[in-house]
Every structure is written in C-alpha cells, then in structure tokens.
Amino acid sequence: MNAVLMGKAIQHLVPGAEFTIEGDDYDGIRWLDLDNVCPSRDEIERELQRMGQERQETAYQSQRRAAYLRAGLTPEALLVALWEAVVEERDDGLIELQAKREAIKSQYPRGGA
C-alpha cells in the first residue's frame, strides 16, 4: 500500500481522524484518535479499490478539460459564440465550437469506454 493513498483512504473512512503512517504498510499506522476506531486492513483496501475505480471513471473529465482548452473552447469563446447565435443570429461560431466539443467528447468518452 502507498502511504499517501492509504492516508486518503483512512480520511474517507474516518473524516478528521488523527494518525501517522510509517512506511507503506497497514502495520505502520499509529492511531492517535481516541474517539474513533482505526479501520481494518480490509476496510482500507476496499476503500483504496473504490478510490482507484472512481479515479478511472472520472479521468475523462480532466482529459476533456485540457483538450477543450487546447482547442480554444474557453468559457469566453463559448460565451461569444452563444451571444452571436442568440443576439446577432449568427450561429457559425456556435456550430464550429459544438463540432469541436463533440470530437473531444468522442475522443475522451465518459468512463473511458
């Protein structure tokens, strides 16, 4: 187990818990919290698995965000395109930005499918 990830898992399981970890093993946990019980090795391992799965399932979000910025899909560009489409009745910019969005969404599908 990685000590940093193990610490995050413990914090998810027992928010606000006080402890230290020496090394990268469950046996290195020194529990300082007198009000709560230290999670078991199995509980921590299950939480680590859940956290890893969550990271995999949401990785597409950060990948899309970076790709949107590289493609010029900034909030300002989207706002200008929307203004032009709604107020000025010119939708060329909006159509172009939507095509870029769709391409990026297909490149980085939800859940990494």
C-alpha atoms as a PDB file:
ATOM      1  CA  MET A   1       0.000   0.000   0.000  1.00  0.00           C
ATOM      2  CA  ASN A   2       1.114   3.541  -0.730  1.00  0.00           C
ATOM      3  CA  ALA A   3       1.211   5.595   2.483  1.00  0.00           C
ATOM      4  CA  VAL A   4      -0.276   8.723   0.888  1.00  0.00           C
ATOM      5  CA  LEU A   5      -3.175   6.838  -0.687  1.00  0.00           C
ATOM      6  CA  MET A   6      -3.644   4.822   2.498  1.00  0.00           C
ATOM      7  CA  GLY A   7      -3.907   8.099   4.439  1.00  0.00           C
ATOM      8  CA  LYS A   8      -6.521   9.412   1.997  1.00  0.00           C
ATOM      9  CA  ALA A   9      -8.490   6.183   2.323  1.00  0.00           C
ATOM     10  CA  ILE A  10      -8.439   6.468   6.111  1.00  0.00           C
ATOM     11  CA  GLN A  11      -9.617  10.079   5.889  1.00  0.00           C
ATOM     12  CA  HIS A  12     -12.503   8.981   3.650  1.00  0.00           C
ATOM     13  CA  LEU A  13     -13.451   6.247   6.090  1.00  0.00           C
ATOM     14  CA  VAL A  14     -12.941   8.277   9.290  1.00  0.00           C
ATOM     15  CA  PRO A  15     -13.065  12.005   8.449  1.00  0.00           C
ATOM     16  CA  GLY A  16     -10.922  14.056  10.785  1.00  0.00           C
ATOM     17  CA  ALA A  17      -9.107  11.031  12.190  1.00  0.00           C
ATOM     18  CA  GLU A  18      -5.685  11.608  13.712  1.00  0.00           C
ATOM     19  CA  PHE A  19      -2.950   9.129  12.836  1.00  0.00           C
ATOM     20  CA  THR A  20       0.532   8.754  11.444  1.00  0.00           C
ATOM     21  CA  ILE A  21       1.845   6.209   8.974  1.00  0.00           C
ATOM     22  CA  GLU A  22       5.393   4.881   8.959  1.00  0.00           C
ATOM     23  CA  GLY A  23       6.236   3.027   5.766  1.00  0.00           C
ATOM     24  CA  ASP A  24       3.766   1.693   3.248  1.00  0.00           C
ATOM     25  CA  ASP A  25       2.040  -0.992   5.282  1.00  0.00           C
ATOM     26  CA  TYR A  26      -1.021  -1.228   7.480  1.00  0.00           C
ATOM     27  CA  ASP A  27       1.197  -2.192  10.417  1.00  0.00           C
ATOM     28  CA  GLY A  28       2.843   1.251  10.168  1.00  0.00           C
ATOM     29  CA  ILE A  29      -0.375   3.065  11.133  1.00  0.00           C
ATOM     30  CA  ARG A  30      -0.145   4.711  14.546  1.00  0.00           C
ATOM     31  CA  TRP A  31      -3.661   5.645  15.600  1.00  0.00           C
ATOM     32  CA  LEU A  32      -3.820   8.866  17.622  1.00  0.00           C
ATOM     33  CA  ASP A  33      -7.588   9.353  17.559  1.00  0.00           C
ATOM     34  CA  LEU A  34      -9.140   8.395  20.877  1.00  0.00           C
ATOM     35  CA  ASP A  35     -12.705   8.973  19.673  1.00  0.00           C
ATOM     36  CA  ASN A  36     -12.680   6.624  16.670  1.00  0.00           C
ATOM     37  CA  VAL A  37     -11.506   3.128  15.832  1.00  0.00           C
ATOM     38  CA  CYS A  38      -8.881   2.585  13.153  1.00  0.00           C
ATOM     39  CA  PRO A  39     -10.363   0.946  10.047  1.00  0.00           C
ATOM     40  CA  SER A  40      -9.301  -2.633   9.405  1.00  0.00           C
ATOM     41  CA  ARG A  41      -6.808  -3.580   6.730  1.00  0.00           C
ATOM     42  CA  ASP A  42      -9.687  -4.972   4.630  1.00  0.00           C
ATOM     43  CA  GLU A  43     -11.722  -1.773   5.002  1.00  0.00           C
ATOM     44  CA  ILE A  44      -8.762   0.330   3.874  1.00  0.00           C
ATOM     45  CA  GLU A  45      -8.022  -1.979   0.931  1.00  0.00           C
ATOM     46  CA  ARG A  46     -11.691  -1.847  -0.171  1.00  0.00           C
ATOM     47  CA  GLU A  47     -11.633   1.955   0.062  1.00  0.00           C
ATOM     48  CA  LEU A  48      -8.406   2.086  -1.961  1.00  0.00           C
ATOM     49  CA  GLN A  49     -10.055  -0.061  -4.645  1.00  0.00           C
ATOM     50  CA  ARG A  50     -13.133   2.184  -4.648  1.00  0.00           C
ATOM     51  CA  MET A  51     -10.969   5.314  -4.920  1.00  0.00           C
ATOM     52  CA  GLY A  52      -8.980   3.797  -7.805  1.00  0.00           C
ATOM     53  CA  GLN A  53     -12.142   2.880  -9.659  1.00  0.00           C
ATOM     54  CA  GLU A  54     -13.526   6.385  -9.104  1.00  0.00           C
ATOM     55  CA  ARG A  55     -10.309   7.908 -10.500  1.00  0.00           C
ATOM     56  CA  GLN A  56     -10.573   5.720 -13.598  1.00  0.00           C
ATOM     57  CA  GLU A  57     -14.239   6.554 -14.094  1.00  0.00           C
ATOM     58  CA  THR A  58     -13.660  10.314 -13.861  1.00  0.00           C
ATOM     59  CA  ALA A  59     -10.298  10.569 -15.675  1.00  0.00           C
ATOM     60  CA  TYR A  60     -12.136  11.590 -18.842  1.00  0.00           C
ATOM     61  CA  GLN A  61     -13.196  14.852 -17.167  1.00  0.00           C
ATOM     62  CA  SER A  62      -9.685  16.220 -16.735  1.00  0.00           C
ATOM     63  CA  GLN A  63      -8.673  14.900 -20.157  1.00  0.00           C
ATOM     64  CA  ARG A  64     -11.629  16.687 -21.766  1.00  0.00           C
ATOM     65  CA  ARG A  65     -10.968  19.883 -19.822  1.00  0.00           C
ATOM     66  CA  ALA A  66      -7.375  20.045 -21.089  1.00  0.00           C
ATOM     67  CA  ALA A  67      -8.441  19.202 -24.652  1.00  0.00           C
ATOM     68  CA  TYR A  68     -11.158  21.872 -24.596  1.00  0.00           C
ATOM     69  CA  LEU A  69      -8.607  24.498 -23.641  1.00  0.00           C
ATOM     70  CA  ARG A  70      -6.129  23.329 -26.306  1.00  0.00           C
ATOM     71  CA  ALA A  71      -8.924  23.612 -28.891  1.00  0.00           C
ATOM     72  CA  GLY A  72      -9.775  27.143 -27.793  1.00  0.00           C
ATOM     73  CA  LEU A  73     -13.023  26.154 -26.097  1.00  0.00           C
ATOM     74  CA  THR A  74     -12.646  28.632 -23.280  1.00  0.00           C
ATOM     75  CA  PRO A  75     -15.613  29.974 -21.333  1.00  0.00           C
ATOM     76  CA  GLU A  76     -15.103  33.299 -23.105  1.00  0.00           C
ATOM     77  CA  ALA A  77     -15.178  31.688 -26.575  1.00  0.00           C
ATOM     78  CA  LEU A  78     -18.334  29.802 -25.670  1.00  0.00           C
ATOM     79  CA  LEU A  79     -19.962  32.979 -24.382  1.00  0.00           C
ATOM     80  CA  VAL A  80     -19.086  34.935 -27.529  1.00  0.00           C
ATOM     81  CA  ALA A  81     -20.424  32.139 -29.745  1.00  0.00           C
ATOM     82  CA  LEU A  82     -23.630  31.985 -27.724  1.00  0.00           C
ATOM     83  CA  TRP A  83     -24.044  35.774 -27.867  1.00  0.00           C
ATOM     84  CA  GLU A  84     -23.514  35.785 -31.612  1.00  0.00           C
ATOM     85  CA  ALA A  85     -26.036  32.969 -32.070  1.00  0.00           C
ATOM     86  CA  VAL A  86     -28.764  34.337 -29.786  1.00  0.00           C
ATOM     87  CA  VAL A  87     -28.434  38.100 -30.084  1.00  0.00           C
ATOM     88  CA  GLU A  88     -26.880  38.566 -33.503  1.00  0.00           C
ATOM     89  CA  GLU A  89     -28.498  35.497 -35.091  1.00  0.00           C
ATOM     90  CA  ARG A  90     -25.123  34.279 -36.414  1.00  0.00           C
ATOM     91  CA  ASP A  91     -24.552  30.661 -35.456  1.00  0.00           C
ATOM     92  CA  ASP A  92     -21.375  29.841 -37.421  1.00  0.00           C
ATOM     93  CA  GLY A  93     -19.166  30.162 -34.331  1.00  0.00           C
ATOM     94  CA  LEU A  94     -21.542  28.107 -32.209  1.00  0.00           C
ATOM     95  CA  ILE A  95     -21.706  25.313 -34.781  1.00  0.00           C
ATOM     96  CA  GLU A  96     -17.895  25.256 -35.049  1.00  0.00           C
ATOM     97  CA  LEU A  97     -17.426  25.111 -31.267  1.00  0.00           C
ATOM     98  CA  GLN A  98     -20.040  22.373 -30.927  1.00  0.00           C
ATOM     99  CA  ALA A  99     -18.258  20.298 -33.583  1.00  0.00           C
ATOM    100  CA  LYS A 100     -15.010  20.640 -31.609  1.00  0.00           C
ATOM    101  CA  ARG A 101     -16.811  19.689 -28.376  1.00  0.00           C
ATOM    102  CA  GLU A 102     -18.327  16.583 -29.947  1.00  0.00           C
ATOM    103  CA  ALA A 103     -14.964  15.490 -31.362  1.00  0.00           C
ATOM    104  CA  ILE A 104     -13.317  15.864 -27.948  1.00  0.00           C
ATOM    105  CA  LYS A 105     -16.168  14.056 -26.198  1.00  0.00           C
ATOM    106  CA  SER A 106     -15.808  11.113 -28.578  1.00  0.00           C
ATOM    107  CA  GLN A 107     -12.013  11.137 -28.096  1.00  0.00           C
ATOM    108  CA  TYR A 108     -12.427  11.029 -24.303  1.00  0.00           C
ATOM    109  CA  PRO A 109     -15.705   9.159 -23.649  1.00  0.00           C
ATOM    110  CA  ARG A 110     -17.336   9.056 -20.244  1.00  0.00           C
ATOM    111  CA  GLY A 111     -15.964   6.199 -18.184  1.00  0.00           C
ATOM    112  CA  GLY A 112     -13.060   5.616 -20.586  1.00  0.00           C
ATOM    113  CA  ALA A 113     -15.162   3.332 -22.787  1.00  0.00           C
END
